[in-house]
Amino acid sequence: MTILSMTDARQDFTSIANQVMFKGERIFINKNNKLAFAVIPIEDAKVLEALEDKIDLDDALKALKEPGSISLKEFKKKLGL
């Protein structure tokens, strides 16, 4: 894991981008000696997005099973759509 200060990252952004894009590295950036954000390969970002989508879907399906839940079709009818 590579950790850089914001100042160092700003000065060497092209090198950071190349490390991430071509070597698949994850680069962590500090601001005021605290981790602030990371630069990650697009594949990692896609995995995170898919995981978030799965969690959202699981939560939605769970909510549909709760008492008082109605289907989308019923909801649209209720709204007159």
C-alpha atoms as a PDB file:
ATOM      1  CA  MET A   1       0.000   0.000   0.000  1.00  0.00           C
ATOM      2  CA  THR A   2       1.417   3.343  -1.047  1.00  0.00           C
ATOM      3  CA  ILE A   3       0.568   6.430   1.008  1.00  0.00           C
ATOM      4  CA  LEU A   4       1.421   9.913  -0.236  1.00  0.00           C
ATOM      5  CA  SER A   5       0.799  13.398   1.050  1.00  0.00           C
ATOM      6  CA  MET A   6      -1.557  15.623  -0.921  1.00  0.00           C
ATOM      7  CA  THR A   7       1.428  17.788  -1.890  1.00  0.00           C
ATOM      8  CA  ASP A   8       3.440  14.846  -3.221  1.00  0.00           C
ATOM      9  CA  ALA A   9       0.411  13.476  -5.068  1.00  0.00           C
ATOM     10  CA  ARG A  10      -0.247  16.811  -6.736  1.00  0.00           C
ATOM     11  CA  GLN A  11       3.358  17.027  -7.944  1.00  0.00           C
ATOM     12  CA  ASP A  12       3.458  13.467  -9.278  1.00  0.00           C
ATOM     13  CA  PHE A  13      -0.077  12.827 -10.519  1.00  0.00           C
ATOM     14  CA  THR A  14       0.949  11.328 -13.861  1.00  0.00           C
ATOM     15  CA  SER A  15       3.148   8.755 -12.139  1.00  0.00           C
ATOM     16  CA  ILE A  16       0.334   7.916  -9.712  1.00  0.00           C
ATOM     17  CA  ALA A  17      -2.121   7.491 -12.587  1.00  0.00           C
ATOM     18  CA  ASN A  18       0.297   5.151 -14.371  1.00  0.00           C
ATOM     19  CA  GLN A  19       0.865   3.059 -11.242  1.00  0.00           C
ATOM     20  CA  VAL A  20      -2.880   2.671 -10.792  1.00  0.00           C
ATOM     21  CA  MET A  21      -3.765   2.081 -14.450  1.00  0.00           C
ATOM     22  CA  PHE A  22      -0.925  -0.208 -15.474  1.00  0.00           C
ATOM     23  CA  LYS A  23       0.161  -1.911 -12.252  1.00  0.00           C
ATOM     24  CA  GLY A  24      -3.224  -2.078 -10.518  1.00  0.00           C
ATOM     25  CA  GLU A  25      -1.871  -0.346  -7.424  1.00  0.00           C
ATOM     26  CA  ARG A  26      -4.027   1.464  -4.892  1.00  0.00           C
ATOM     27  CA  ILE A  27      -2.606   4.807  -3.850  1.00  0.00           C
ATOM     28  CA  PHE A  28      -3.791   6.403  -0.606  1.00  0.00           C
ATOM     29  CA  ILE A  29      -3.587  10.164  -0.181  1.00  0.00           C
ATOM     30  CA  ASN A  30      -3.094  11.916   3.164  1.00  0.00           C
ATOM     31  CA  LYS A  31      -4.264  15.386   4.040  1.00  0.00           C
ATOM     32  CA  ASN A  32      -3.044  16.817   7.340  1.00  0.00           C
ATOM     33  CA  ASN A  33      -1.578  13.386   8.196  1.00  0.00           C
ATOM     34  CA  LYS A  34      -4.942  11.633   7.866  1.00  0.00           C
ATOM     35  CA  LEU A  35      -6.047   9.343   5.050  1.00  0.00           C
ATOM     36  CA  ALA A  36      -8.334  11.426   2.846  1.00  0.00           C
ATOM     37  CA  PHE A  37      -8.996   9.368  -0.289  1.00  0.00           C
ATOM     38  CA  ALA A  38      -7.615   6.711  -2.581  1.00  0.00           C
ATOM     39  CA  VAL A  39      -6.876   6.434  -6.273  1.00  0.00           C
ATOM     40  CA  ILE A  40      -7.877   2.944  -7.355  1.00  0.00           C
ATOM     41  CA  PRO A  41      -8.061   0.954 -10.588  1.00  0.00           C
ATOM     42  CA  ILE A  42     -11.369   1.195 -12.439  1.00  0.00           C
ATOM     43  CA  GLU A  43     -11.885  -2.548 -11.919  1.00  0.00           C
ATOM     44  CA  ASP A  44     -11.869  -1.996  -8.146  1.00  0.00           C
ATOM     45  CA  ALA A  45     -14.388   0.826  -8.495  1.00  0.00           C
ATOM     46  CA  LYS A  46     -16.666  -1.396 -10.585  1.00  0.00           C
ATOM     47  CA  VAL A  47     -16.531  -4.125  -7.943  1.00  0.00           C
ATOM     48  CA  LEU A  48     -17.441  -1.594  -5.242  1.00  0.00           C
ATOM     49  CA  GLU A  49     -20.346  -0.296  -7.350  1.00  0.00           C
ATOM     50  CA  ALA A  50     -21.629  -3.846  -7.929  1.00  0.00           C
ATOM     51  CA  LEU A  51     -21.380  -4.605  -4.220  1.00  0.00           C
ATOM     52  CA  GLU A  52     -23.325  -1.452  -3.355  1.00  0.00           C
ATOM     53  CA  ASP A  53     -25.975  -2.361  -5.941  1.00  0.00           C
ATOM     54  CA  LYS A  54     -26.286  -5.857  -4.430  1.00  0.00           C
ATOM     55  CA  ILE A  55     -26.680  -4.436  -0.928  1.00  0.00           C
ATOM     56  CA  ASP A  56     -29.331  -1.983  -2.194  1.00  0.00           C
ATOM     57  CA  LEU A  57     -31.220  -4.782  -3.946  1.00  0.00           C
ATOM     58  CA  ASP A  58     -31.111  -7.000  -0.853  1.00  0.00           C
ATOM     59  CA  ASP A  59     -32.405  -4.095   1.260  1.00  0.00           C
ATOM     60  CA  ALA A  60     -35.214  -3.389  -1.224  1.00  0.00           C
ATOM     61  CA  LEU A  61     -36.284  -7.031  -1.358  1.00  0.00           C
ATOM     62  CA  LYS A  62     -36.258  -7.172   2.429  1.00  0.00           C
ATOM     63  CA  ALA A  63     -38.370  -3.994   2.612  1.00  0.00           C
ATOM     64  CA  LEU A  64     -40.937  -5.491   0.230  1.00  0.00           C
ATOM     65  CA  LYS A  65     -41.522  -8.307   2.711  1.00  0.00           C
ATOM     66  CA  GLU A  66     -42.316  -5.903   5.558  1.00  0.00           C
ATOM     67  CA  PRO A  67     -45.955  -5.521   6.627  1.00  0.00           C
ATOM     68  CA  GLY A  68     -47.740  -2.758   4.743  1.00  0.00           C
ATOM     69  CA  SER A  69     -45.495  -2.953   1.688  1.00  0.00           C
ATOM     70  CA  ILE A  70     -47.096  -2.629  -1.720  1.00  0.00           C
ATOM     71  CA  SER A  71     -45.882  -3.530  -5.187  1.00  0.00           C
ATOM     72  CA  LEU A  72     -44.720  -0.939  -7.710  1.00  0.00           C
ATOM     73  CA  LYS A  73     -47.878  -1.604  -9.738  1.00  0.00           C
ATOM     74  CA  GLU A  74     -50.061  -0.896  -6.702  1.00  0.00           C
ATOM     75  CA  PHE A  75     -48.035   2.199  -5.862  1.00  0.00           C
ATOM     76  CA  LYS A  76     -48.419   3.618  -9.374  1.00  0.00           C
ATOM     77  CA  LYS A  77     -52.177   2.937  -9.253  1.00  0.00           C
ATOM     78  CA  LYS A  78     -52.381   4.711  -5.920  1.00  0.00           C
ATOM     79  CA  LEU A  79     -50.631   7.741  -7.464  1.00  0.00           C
ATOM     80  CA  GLY A  80     -52.823   7.602 -10.557  1.00  0.00           C
ATOM     81  CA  LEU A  81     -49.943   6.847 -12.893  1.00  0.00           C
END
